[in-house]
PDB file of N, CA and C in Angstrom:
ATOM      1  N   MET A   1      13.208   6.585  18.964  1.00  0.00           N
ATOM      2  CA  MET A   1      13.382   5.273  18.414  1.00  0.00           C
ATOM      3  C   MET A   1      12.028   4.640  18.078  1.00  0.00           C
ATOM      4  N   VAL A   2      11.052   4.800  18.978  1.00  0.00           N
ATOM      5  CA  VAL A   2       9.732   4.237  18.725  1.00  0.00           C
ATOM      6  C   VAL A   2       9.096   4.913  17.518  1.00  0.00           C
ATOM      7  N   ARG A   3       9.262   6.224  17.396  1.00  0.00           N
ATOM      8  CA  ARG A   3       8.701   6.927  16.238  1.00  0.00           C
ATOM      9  C   ARG A   3       9.314   6.411  14.937  1.00  0.00           C
ATOM     10  N   PHE A   4      10.610   6.133  14.966  1.00  0.00           N
ATOM     11  CA  PHE A   4      11.272   5.594  13.779  1.00  0.00           C
ATOM     12  C   PHE A   4      10.644   4.263  13.390  1.00  0.00           C
ATOM     13  N   HIS A   5      10.440   3.386  14.374  1.00  0.00           N
ATOM     14  CA  HIS A   5       9.874   2.072  14.083  1.00  0.00           C
ATOM     15  C   HIS A   5       8.428   2.186  13.608  1.00  0.00           C
ATOM     16  N   LEU A   6       7.655   3.082  14.187  1.00  0.00           N
ATOM     17  CA  LEU A   6       6.285   3.276  13.738  1.00  0.00           C
ATOM     18  C   LEU A   6       6.254   3.829  12.321  1.00  0.00           C
ATOM     19  N   ALA A   7       7.157   4.752  12.011  1.00  0.00           N
ATOM     20  CA  ALA A   7       7.240   5.280  10.646  1.00  0.00           C
ATOM     21  C   ALA A   7       7.648   4.179   9.679  1.00  0.00           C
ATOM     22  N   MET A   8       8.585   3.343  10.103  1.00  0.00           N
ATOM     23  CA  MET A   8       9.030   2.227   9.262  1.00  0.00           C
ATOM     24  C   MET A   8       7.887   1.247   9.030  1.00  0.00           C
ATOM     25  N   LEU A   9       7.127   0.944  10.071  1.00  0.00           N
ATOM     26  CA  LEU A   9       5.996   0.029   9.942  1.00  0.00           C
ATOM     27  C   LEU A   9       4.956   0.594   8.987  1.00  0.00           C
ATOM     28  N   THR A  10       4.667   1.879   9.095  1.00  0.00           N
ATOM     29  CA  THR A  10       3.703   2.510   8.200  1.00  0.00           C
ATOM     30  C   THR A  10       4.161   2.386   6.760  1.00  0.00           C
ATOM     31  N   MET A  11       5.440   2.635   6.520  1.00  0.00           N
ATOM     32  CA  MET A  11       5.985   2.514   5.171  1.00  0.00           C
ATOM     33  C   MET A  11       5.855   1.072   4.679  1.00  0.00           C
ATOM     34  N   VAL A  12       6.153   0.118   5.536  1.00  0.00           N
ATOM     35  CA  VAL A  12       6.067  -1.297   5.163  1.00  0.00           C
ATOM     36  C   VAL A  12       4.634  -1.658   4.824  1.00  0.00           C
ATOM     37  N   LEU A  13       3.687  -1.204   5.633  1.00  0.00           N
ATOM     38  CA  LEU A  13       2.286  -1.533   5.392  1.00  0.00           C
ATOM     39  C   LEU A  13       1.785  -0.953   4.088  1.00  0.00           C
ATOM     40  N   VAL A  14       2.237   0.230   3.752  1.00  0.00           N
ATOM     41  CA  VAL A  14       1.820   0.866   2.509  1.00  0.00           C
ATOM     42  C   VAL A  14       2.406   0.146   1.309  1.00  0.00           C
ATOM     43  N   THR A  15       3.648  -0.299   1.415  1.00  0.00           N
ATOM     44  CA  THR A  15       4.323  -0.898   0.258  1.00  0.00           C
ATOM     45  C   THR A  15       4.302  -2.414   0.244  1.00  0.00           C
ATOM     46  N   ALA A  16       3.925  -3.061   1.341  1.00  0.00           N
ATOM     47  CA  ALA A  16       4.025  -4.523   1.431  1.00  0.00           C
ATOM     48  C   ALA A  16       3.228  -5.232   0.341  1.00  0.00           C
ATOM     49  N   SER A  17       2.083  -4.689  -0.024  1.00  0.00           N
ATOM     50  CA  SER A  17       1.271  -5.364  -1.021  1.00  0.00           C
ATOM     51  C   SER A  17       1.880  -5.268  -2.419  1.00  0.00           C
ATOM     52  N   PHE A  18       2.846  -4.376  -2.626  1.00  0.00           N
ATOM     53  CA  PHE A  18       3.476  -4.214  -3.926  1.00  0.00           C
ATOM     54  C   PHE A  18       4.815  -4.935  -4.029  1.00  0.00           C
ATOM     55  N   ILE A  19       5.351  -5.421  -2.915  1.00  0.00           N
ATOM     56  CA  ILE A  19       6.671  -6.047  -2.896  1.00  0.00           C
ATOM     57  C   ILE A  19       6.520  -7.550  -2.761  1.00  0.00           C
ATOM     58  N   PRO A  20       7.096  -8.329  -3.679  1.00  0.00           N
ATOM     59  CA  PRO A  20       7.041  -9.774  -3.523  1.00  0.00           C
ATOM     60  C   PRO A  20       7.690 -10.194  -2.214  1.00  0.00           C
ATOM     61  N   ALA A  21       7.177 -11.271  -1.606  1.00  0.00           N
ATOM     62  CA  ALA A  21       7.701 -11.726  -0.313  1.00  0.00           C
ATOM     63  C   ALA A  21       9.199 -11.955  -0.369  1.00  0.00           C
ATOM     64  N   SER A  22       9.714 -12.451  -1.481  1.00  0.00           N
ATOM     65  CA  SER A  22      11.145 -12.739  -1.584  1.00  0.00           C
ATOM     66  C   SER A  22      11.991 -11.471  -1.549  1.00  0.00           C
ATOM     67  N   ALA A  23      11.390 -10.312  -1.834  1.00  0.00           N
ATOM     68  CA  ALA A  23      12.150  -9.059  -1.847  1.00  0.00           C
ATOM     69  C   ALA A  23      12.087  -8.330  -0.511  1.00  0.00           C
ATOM     70  N   GLN A  24      11.258  -8.818   0.417  1.00  0.00           N
ATOM     71  CA  GLN A  24      11.139  -8.146   1.704  1.00  0.00           C
ATOM     72  C   GLN A  24      12.384  -8.412   2.544  1.00  0.00           C
ATOM     73  N   THR A  25      12.638  -7.512   3.476  1.00  0.00           N
ATOM     74  CA  THR A  25      13.779  -7.702   4.348  1.00  0.00           C
ATOM     75  C   THR A  25      13.540  -8.889   5.258  1.00  0.00           C
ATOM     76  N   ASN A  26      14.606  -9.396   5.887  1.00  0.00           N
ATOM     77  CA  ASN A  26      14.452 -10.563   6.733  1.00  0.00           C
ATOM     78  C   ASN A  26      13.830 -10.231   8.082  1.00  0.00           C
ATOM     79  N   LYS A  27      13.512  -8.981   8.358  1.00  0.00           N
ATOM     80  CA  LYS A  27      12.875  -8.597   9.621  1.00  0.00           C
ATOM     81  C   LYS A  27      11.407  -8.257   9.453  1.00  0.00           C
ATOM     82  N   THR A  28      10.931  -8.161   8.243  1.00  0.00           N
ATOM     83  CA  THR A  28       9.545  -7.812   7.983  1.00  0.00           C
ATOM     84  C   THR A  28       8.870  -8.962   7.255  1.00  0.00           C
ATOM     85  N   PHE A  29       7.718  -9.376   7.775  1.00  0.00           N
ATOM     86  CA  PHE A  29       7.008 -10.504   7.195  1.00  0.00           C
ATOM     87  C   PHE A  29       5.545 -10.142   6.990  1.00  0.00           C
ATOM     88  N   LEU A  30       4.967 -10.655   5.922  1.00  0.00           N
ATOM     89  CA  LEU A  30       3.555 -10.468   5.637  1.00  0.00           C
ATOM     90  C   LEU A  30       2.852 -11.787   5.921  1.00  0.00           C
ATOM     91  N   TYR A  31       1.879 -11.761   6.814  1.00  0.00           N
ATOM     92  CA  TYR A  31       1.128 -12.951   7.190  1.00  0.00           C
ATOM     93  C   TYR A  31      -0.257 -12.908   6.570  1.00  0.00           C
ATOM     94  N   ASP A  32      -0.674 -14.021   5.971  1.00  0.00           N
ATOM     95  CA  ASP A  32      -2.038 -14.189   5.487  1.00  0.00           C
ATOM     96  C   ASP A  32      -2.802 -14.918   6.580  1.00  0.00           C
ATOM     97  N   CYS A  33      -3.921 -14.351   6.996  1.00  0.00           N
ATOM     98  CA  CYS A  33      -4.671 -14.891   8.134  1.00  0.00           C
ATOM     99  C   CYS A  33      -6.072 -15.314   7.711  1.00  0.00           C
ATOM    100  N   ASP A  34      -6.706 -16.090   8.581  1.00  0.00           N
ATOM    101  CA  ASP A  34      -8.088 -16.502   8.355  1.00  0.00           C
ATOM    102  C   ASP A  34      -8.963 -15.283   8.085  1.00  0.00           C
ATOM    103  N   GLY A  35      -9.975 -15.476   7.265  1.00  0.00           N
ATOM    104  CA  GLY A  35     -10.907 -14.392   6.978  1.00  0.00           C
ATOM    105  C   GLY A  35     -10.375 -13.368   6.009  1.00  0.00           C
ATOM    106  N   GLY A  36      -9.245 -13.653   5.350  1.00  0.00           N
ATOM    107  CA  GLY A  36      -8.681 -12.733   4.368  1.00  0.00           C
ATOM    108  C   GLY A  36      -7.865 -11.600   4.954  1.00  0.00           C
ATOM    109  N   LEU A  37      -7.647 -11.623   6.264  1.00  0.00           N
ATOM    110  CA  LEU A  37      -6.847 -10.586   6.915  1.00  0.00           C
ATOM    111  C   LEU A  37      -5.374 -10.752   6.563  1.00  0.00           C
ATOM    112  N   GLN A  38      -4.699  -9.656   6.253  1.00  0.00           N
ATOM    113  CA  GLN A  38      -3.257  -9.659   6.043  1.00  0.00           C
ATOM    114  C   GLN A  38      -2.627  -8.770   7.109  1.00  0.00           C
ATOM    115  N   VAL A  39      -1.568  -9.281   7.720  1.00  0.00           N
ATOM    116  CA  VAL A  39      -0.890  -8.556   8.785  1.00  0.00           C
ATOM    117  C   VAL A  39       0.589  -8.455   8.443  1.00  0.00           C
ATOM    118  N   ALA A  40       1.101  -7.230   8.383  1.00  0.00           N
ATOM    119  CA  ALA A  40       2.533  -7.003   8.199  1.00  0.00           C
ATOM    120  C   ALA A  40       3.143  -6.852   9.581  1.00  0.00           C
ATOM    121  N   VAL A  41       4.228  -7.570   9.825  1.00  0.00           N
ATOM    122  CA  VAL A  41       4.873  -7.541  11.138  1.00  0.00           C
ATOM    123  C   VAL A  41       6.351  -7.234  10.947  1.00  0.00           C
ATOM    124  N   TYR A  42       6.820  -6.234  11.671  1.00  0.00           N
ATOM    125  CA  TYR A  42       8.235  -5.882  11.697  1.00  0.00           C
ATOM    126  C   TYR A  42       8.791  -6.371  13.023  1.00  0.00           C
ATOM    127  N   PHE A  43       9.804  -7.212  12.962  1.00  0.00           N
ATOM    128  CA  PHE A  43      10.414  -7.748  14.166  1.00  0.00           C
ATOM    129  C   PHE A  43      11.704  -7.010  14.487  1.00  0.00           C
ATOM    130  N   ASP A  44      11.782  -6.517  15.701  1.00  0.00           N
ATOM    131  CA  ASP A  44      12.978  -5.894  16.239  1.00  0.00           C
ATOM    132  C   ASP A  44      13.616  -6.907  17.177  1.00  0.00           C
ATOM    133  N   ARG A  45      14.680  -6.516  17.809  1.00  0.00           N
ATOM    134  CA  ARG A  45      15.417  -7.418  18.699  1.00  0.00           C
ATOM    135  C   ARG A  45      14.534  -8.013  19.792  1.00  0.00           C
ATOM    136  N   ASP A  46      13.663  -7.213  20.386  1.00  0.00           N
ATOM    137  CA  ASP A  46      12.861  -7.705  21.505  1.00  0.00           C
ATOM    138  C   ASP A  46      11.389  -7.298  21.422  1.00  0.00           C
ATOM    139  N   ALA A  47      10.906  -7.018  20.206  1.00  0.00           N
ATOM    140  CA  ALA A  47       9.511  -6.620  20.047  1.00  0.00           C
ATOM    141  C   ALA A  47       9.043  -6.885  18.617  1.00  0.00           C
ATOM    142  N   ALA A  48       7.731  -6.933  18.472  1.00  0.00           N
ATOM    143  CA  ALA A  48       7.105  -7.026  17.156  1.00  0.00           C
ATOM    144  C   ALA A  48       6.205  -5.811  16.996  1.00  0.00           C
ATOM    145  N   PHE A  49       6.231  -5.200  15.831  1.00  0.00           N
ATOM    146  CA  PHE A  49       5.395  -4.044  15.535  1.00  0.00           C
ATOM    147  C   PHE A  49       4.363  -4.483  14.509  1.00  0.00           C
ATOM    148  N   ILE A  50       3.075  -4.366  14.858  1.00  0.00           N
ATOM    149  CA  ILE A  50       2.014  -4.765  13.940  1.00  0.00           C
ATOM    150  C   ILE A  50       0.994  -3.643  13.820  1.00  0.00           C
ATOM    151  N   GLN A  51       0.235  -3.671  12.734  1.00  0.00           N
ATOM    152  CA  GLN A  51      -0.849  -2.724  12.512  1.00  0.00           C
ATOM    153  C   GLN A  51      -2.139  -3.495  12.721  1.00  0.00           C
ATOM    154  N   LEU A  52      -2.976  -3.030  13.656  1.00  0.00           N
ATOM    155  CA  LEU A  52      -4.216  -3.730  13.969  1.00  0.00           C
ATOM    156  C   LEU A  52      -5.299  -2.699  14.268  1.00  0.00           C
ATOM    157  N   ASP A  53      -6.432  -2.821  13.599  1.00  0.00           N
ATOM    158  CA  ASP A  53      -7.548  -1.877  13.778  1.00  0.00           C
ATOM    159  C   ASP A  53      -7.110  -0.435  13.550  1.00  0.00           C
ATOM    160  N   GLY A  54      -6.227  -0.224  12.597  1.00  0.00           N
ATOM    161  CA  GLY A  54      -5.775   1.123  12.277  1.00  0.00           C
ATOM    162  C   GLY A  54      -4.772   1.697  13.259  1.00  0.00           C
ATOM    163  N   LYS A  55      -4.296   0.891  14.184  1.00  0.00           N
ATOM    164  CA  LYS A  55      -3.329   1.353  15.171  1.00  0.00           C
ATOM    165  C   LYS A  55      -2.040   0.547  15.042  1.00  0.00           C
ATOM    166  N   ALA A  56      -0.917   1.237  15.167  1.00  0.00           N
ATOM    167  CA  ALA A  56       0.377   0.555  15.189  1.00  0.00           C
ATOM    168  C   ALA A  56       0.656   0.143  16.629  1.00  0.00           C
ATOM    169  N   LEU A  57       0.931  -1.125  16.827  1.00  0.00           N
ATOM    170  CA  LEU A  57       1.168  -1.643  18.168  1.00  0.00           C
ATOM    171  C   LEU A  57       2.587  -2.183  18.301  1.00  0.00           C
ATOM    172  N   LYS A  58       3.194  -1.894  19.439  1.00  0.00           N
ATOM    173  CA  LYS A  58       4.482  -2.486  19.778  1.00  0.00           C
ATOM    174  C   LYS A  58       4.203  -3.562  20.814  1.00  0.00           C
ATOM    175  N   LEU A  59       4.490  -4.810  20.455  1.00  0.00           N
ATOM    176  CA  LEU A  59       4.269  -5.938  21.348  1.00  0.00           C
ATOM    177  C   LEU A  59       5.621  -6.454  21.829  1.00  0.00           C
ATOM    178  N   PRO A  60       5.953  -6.254  23.095  1.00  0.00           N
ATOM    179  CA  PRO A  60       7.224  -6.762  23.618  1.00  0.00           C
ATOM    180  C   PRO A  60       7.254  -8.292  23.598  1.00  0.00           C
ATOM    181  N   GLN A  61       8.449  -8.841  23.448  1.00  0.00           N
ATOM    182  CA  GLN A  61       8.593 -10.296  23.448  1.00  0.00           C
ATOM    183  C   GLN A  61       8.370 -10.832  24.855  1.00  0.00           C
ATOM    184  N   ARG A  62       7.669 -11.946  24.951  1.00  0.00           N
ATOM    185  CA  ARG A  62       7.350 -12.592  26.224  1.00  0.00           C
ATOM    186  C   ARG A  62       7.932 -14.002  26.234  1.00  0.00           C
ATOM    187  N   LEU A  63       7.957 -14.610  27.401  1.00  0.00           N
ATOM    188  CA  LEU A  63       8.433 -15.983  27.514  1.00  0.00           C
ATOM    189  C   LEU A  63       7.521 -16.921  26.734  1.00  0.00           C
ATOM    190  N   SER A  64       8.140 -17.912  26.101  1.00  0.00           N
ATOM    191  CA  SER A  64       7.383 -18.897  25.338  1.00  0.00           C
ATOM    192  C   SER A  64       8.098 -20.231  25.426  1.00  0.00           C
ATOM    193  N   GLY A  65       7.337 -21.284  25.630  1.00  0.00           N
ATOM    194  CA  GLY A  65       7.933 -22.617  25.683  1.00  0.00           C
ATOM    195  C   GLY A  65       8.373 -23.102  24.317  1.00  0.00           C
ATOM    196  N   SER A  66       7.748 -22.564  23.274  1.00  0.00           N
ATOM    197  CA  SER A  66       8.069 -22.959  21.906  1.00  0.00           C
ATOM    198  C   SER A  66       7.750 -21.792  20.985  1.00  0.00           C
ATOM    199  N   GLY A  67       8.601 -21.533  20.012  1.00  0.00           N
ATOM    200  CA  GLY A  67       8.383 -20.415  19.110  1.00  0.00           C
ATOM    201  C   GLY A  67       8.696 -19.102  19.800  1.00  0.00           C
ATOM    202  N   ALA A  68       8.057 -18.034  19.349  1.00  0.00           N
ATOM    203  CA  ALA A  68       8.249 -16.702  19.939  1.00  0.00           C
ATOM    204  C   ALA A  68       6.879 -16.071  20.147  1.00  0.00           C
ATOM    205  N   ARG A  69       6.691 -15.442  21.296  1.00  0.00           N
ATOM    206  CA  ARG A  69       5.411 -14.819  21.627  1.00  0.00           C
ATOM    207  C   ARG A  69       5.641 -13.356  21.969  1.00  0.00           C
ATOM    208  N   TYR A  70       4.766 -12.513  21.436  1.00  0.00           N
ATOM    209  CA  TYR A  70       4.806 -11.072  21.671  1.00  0.00           C
ATOM    210  C   TYR A  70       3.423 -10.671  22.161  1.00  0.00           C
ATOM    211  N   ALA A  71       3.346  -9.885  23.238  1.00  0.00           N
ATOM    212  CA  ALA A  71       2.029  -9.548  23.777  1.00  0.00           C
ATOM    213  C   ALA A  71       2.050  -8.250  24.572  1.00  0.00           C
ATOM    214  N   LYS A  72       0.894  -7.565  24.530  1.00  0.00           N
ATOM    215  CA  LYS A  72       0.690  -6.360  25.344  1.00  0.00           C
ATOM    216  C   LYS A  72      -0.767  -5.924  25.188  1.00  0.00           C
ATOM    217  N   GLY A  73      -1.358  -5.487  26.274  1.00  0.00           N
ATOM    218  CA  GLY A  73      -2.682  -4.886  26.228  1.00  0.00           C
ATOM    219  C   GLY A  73      -3.776  -5.746  25.629  1.00  0.00           C
ATOM    220  N   GLY A  74      -3.750  -7.031  25.879  1.00  0.00           N
ATOM    221  CA  GLY A  74      -4.803  -7.907  25.383  1.00  0.00           C
ATOM    222  C   GLY A  74      -4.606  -8.408  23.970  1.00  0.00           C
ATOM    223  N   VAL A  75      -3.464  -8.105  23.364  1.00  0.00           N
ATOM    224  CA  VAL A  75      -3.148  -8.598  22.017  1.00  0.00           C
ATOM    225  C   VAL A  75      -1.906  -9.466  22.122  1.00  0.00           C
ATOM    226  N   SER A  76      -1.991 -10.664  21.543  1.00  0.00           N
ATOM    227  CA  SER A  76      -0.870 -11.596  21.570  1.00  0.00           C
ATOM    228  C   SER A  76      -0.604 -12.098  20.151  1.00  0.00           C
ATOM    229  N   PHE A  77       0.662 -12.132  19.763  1.00  0.00           N
ATOM    230  CA  PHE A  77       1.065 -12.653  18.452  1.00  0.00           C
ATOM    231  C   PHE A  77       2.135 -13.704  18.710  1.00  0.00           C
ATOM    232  N   TRP A  78       1.814 -14.962  18.416  1.00  0.00           N
ATOM    233  CA  TRP A  78       2.705 -16.086  18.698  1.00  0.00           C
ATOM    234  C   TRP A  78       3.107 -16.723  17.381  1.00  0.00           C
ATOM    235  N   ILE A  79       4.417 -16.878  17.155  1.00  0.00           N
ATOM    236  CA  ILE A  79       4.888 -17.467  15.906  1.00  0.00           C
ATOM    237  C   ILE A  79       5.691 -18.732  16.183  1.00  0.00           C
ATOM    238  N   LYS A  80       5.576 -19.658  15.258  1.00  0.00           N
ATOM    239  CA  LYS A  80       6.385 -20.874  15.281  1.00  0.00           C
ATOM    240  C   LYS A  80       6.567 -21.289  13.825  1.00  0.00           C
ATOM    241  N   GLY A  81       7.806 -21.186  13.353  1.00  0.00           N
ATOM    242  CA  GLY A  81       8.067 -21.467  11.940  1.00  0.00           C
ATOM    243  C   GLY A  81       7.364 -20.449  11.070  1.00  0.00           C
ATOM    244  N   ASN A  82       6.617 -20.934  10.078  1.00  0.00           N
ATOM    245  CA  ASN A  82       5.885 -20.045   9.171  1.00  0.00           C
ATOM    246  C   ASN A  82       4.471 -19.763   9.642  1.00  0.00           C
ATOM    247  N   ASP A  83       4.068 -20.350  10.760  1.00  0.00           N
ATOM    248  CA  ASP A  83       2.706 -20.181  11.260  1.00  0.00           C
ATOM    249  C   ASP A  83       2.663 -19.206  12.427  1.00  0.00           C
ATOM    250  N   ALA A  84       1.507 -18.580  12.611  1.00  0.00           N
ATOM    251  CA  ALA A  84       1.332 -17.626  13.703  1.00  0.00           C
ATOM    252  C   ALA A  84      -0.121 -17.657  14.172  1.00  0.00           C
ATOM    253  N   MET A  85      -0.329 -17.180  15.400  1.00  0.00           N
ATOM    254  CA  MET A  85      -1.666 -17.002  15.950  1.00  0.00           C
ATOM    255  C   MET A  85      -1.777 -15.585  16.489  1.00  0.00           C
ATOM    256  N   LEU A  86      -2.813 -14.917  16.098  1.00  0.00           N
ATOM    257  CA  LEU A  86      -3.119 -13.581  16.600  1.00  0.00           C
ATOM    258  C   LEU A  86      -4.307 -13.732  17.539  1.00  0.00           C
ATOM    259  N   LYS A  87      -4.098 -13.418  18.811  1.00  0.00           N
ATOM    260  CA  LYS A  87      -5.152 -13.587  19.809  1.00  0.00           C
ATOM    261  C   LYS A  87      -5.494 -12.235  20.420  1.00  0.00           C
ATOM    262  N   ARG A  88      -6.795 -11.980  20.547  1.00  0.00           N
ATOM    263  CA  ARG A  88      -7.264 -10.720  21.111  1.00  0.00           C
ATOM    264  C   ARG A  88      -8.185 -11.015  22.276  1.00  0.00           C
ATOM    265  N   THR A  89      -7.766 -10.616  23.457  1.00  0.00           N
ATOM    266  CA  THR A  89      -8.539 -10.855  24.660  1.00  0.00           C
ATOM    267  C   THR A  89      -9.876 -10.126  24.605  1.00  0.00           C
ATOM    268  N   ARG A  90      -9.865  -8.916  24.059  1.00  0.00           N
ATOM    269  CA  ARG A  90     -11.075  -8.086  24.003  1.00  0.00           C
ATOM    270  C   ARG A  90     -12.207  -8.787  23.259  1.00  0.00           C
ATOM    271  N   THR A  91     -11.889  -9.443  22.144  1.00  0.00           N
ATOM    272  CA  THR A  91     -12.916 -10.110  21.349  1.00  0.00           C
ATOM    273  C   THR A  91     -12.983 -11.603  21.644  1.00  0.00           C
ATOM    274  N   GLY A  92     -11.953 -12.133  22.278  1.00  0.00           N
ATOM    275  CA  GLY A  92     -11.909 -13.567  22.553  1.00  0.00           C
ATOM    276  C   GLY A  92     -11.626 -14.402  21.329  1.00  0.00           C
ATOM    277  N   LYS A  93     -11.167 -13.764  20.260  1.00  0.00           N
ATOM    278  CA  LYS A  93     -10.923 -14.486  19.000  1.00  0.00           C
ATOM    279  C   LYS A  93      -9.444 -14.812  18.837  1.00  0.00           C
ATOM    280  N   THR A  94      -9.191 -15.978  18.271  1.00  0.00           N
ATOM    281  CA  THR A  94      -7.854 -16.374  17.865  1.00  0.00           C
ATOM    282  C   THR A  94      -7.883 -16.580  16.366  1.00  0.00           C
ATOM    283  N   ILE A  95      -6.955 -15.936  15.665  1.00  0.00           N
ATOM    284  CA  ILE A  95      -6.897 -16.010  14.207  1.00  0.00           C
ATOM    285  C   ILE A  95      -5.602 -16.702  13.814  1.00  0.00           C
ATOM    286  N   ASN A  96      -5.694 -17.706  12.973  1.00  0.00           N
ATOM    287  CA  ASN A  96      -4.515 -18.413  12.480  1.00  0.00           C
ATOM    288  C   ASN A  96      -3.964 -17.718  11.248  1.00  0.00           C
ATOM    289  N   CYS A  97      -2.627 -17.622  11.195  1.00  0.00           N
ATOM    290  CA  CYS A  97      -1.946 -16.926  10.100  1.00  0.00           C
ATOM    291  C   CYS A  97      -0.759 -17.756   9.633  1.00  0.00           C
ATOM    292  N   SER A  98      -0.268 -17.455   8.441  1.00  0.00           N
ATOM    293  CA  SER A  98       0.981 -18.059   7.952  1.00  0.00           C
ATOM    294  C   SER A  98       1.647 -17.094   6.983  1.00  0.00           C
ATOM    295  N   THR A  99       2.972 -17.216   6.885  1.00  0.00           N
ATOM    296  CA  THR A  99       3.722 -16.365   5.960  1.00  0.00           C
ATOM    297  C   THR A  99       3.594 -16.911   4.571  1.00  0.00           C
ATOM    298  N   ARG A 100       3.834 -16.048   3.613  1.00  0.00           N
ATOM    299  CA  ARG A 100       3.773 -16.464   2.192  1.00  0.00           C
ATOM    300  C   ARG A 100       4.974 -17.296   1.845  1.00  0.00           C
TER     301      ARG A 100
END
């Protein structure tokens, strides 16, 4: 199952730049982030799959007082509405993102 999702994420990342946001599925979103970074995120029932630093990451959903938060291994992706924050403990950086 994880291999299927990773393969799906890879396909999404390769094609996301060619597909208008309105044509994307309701589970896959393209986020534009500070510094020109673009992040494609595939949301499953209880996890988010993102590509970061050339690695596909599965971030399980965590408790959140507002919005939805996904985190694992020092990487956190928190969404609320069309906005998101990508936080990396390793670098100490928080990057603001939003959907198209």
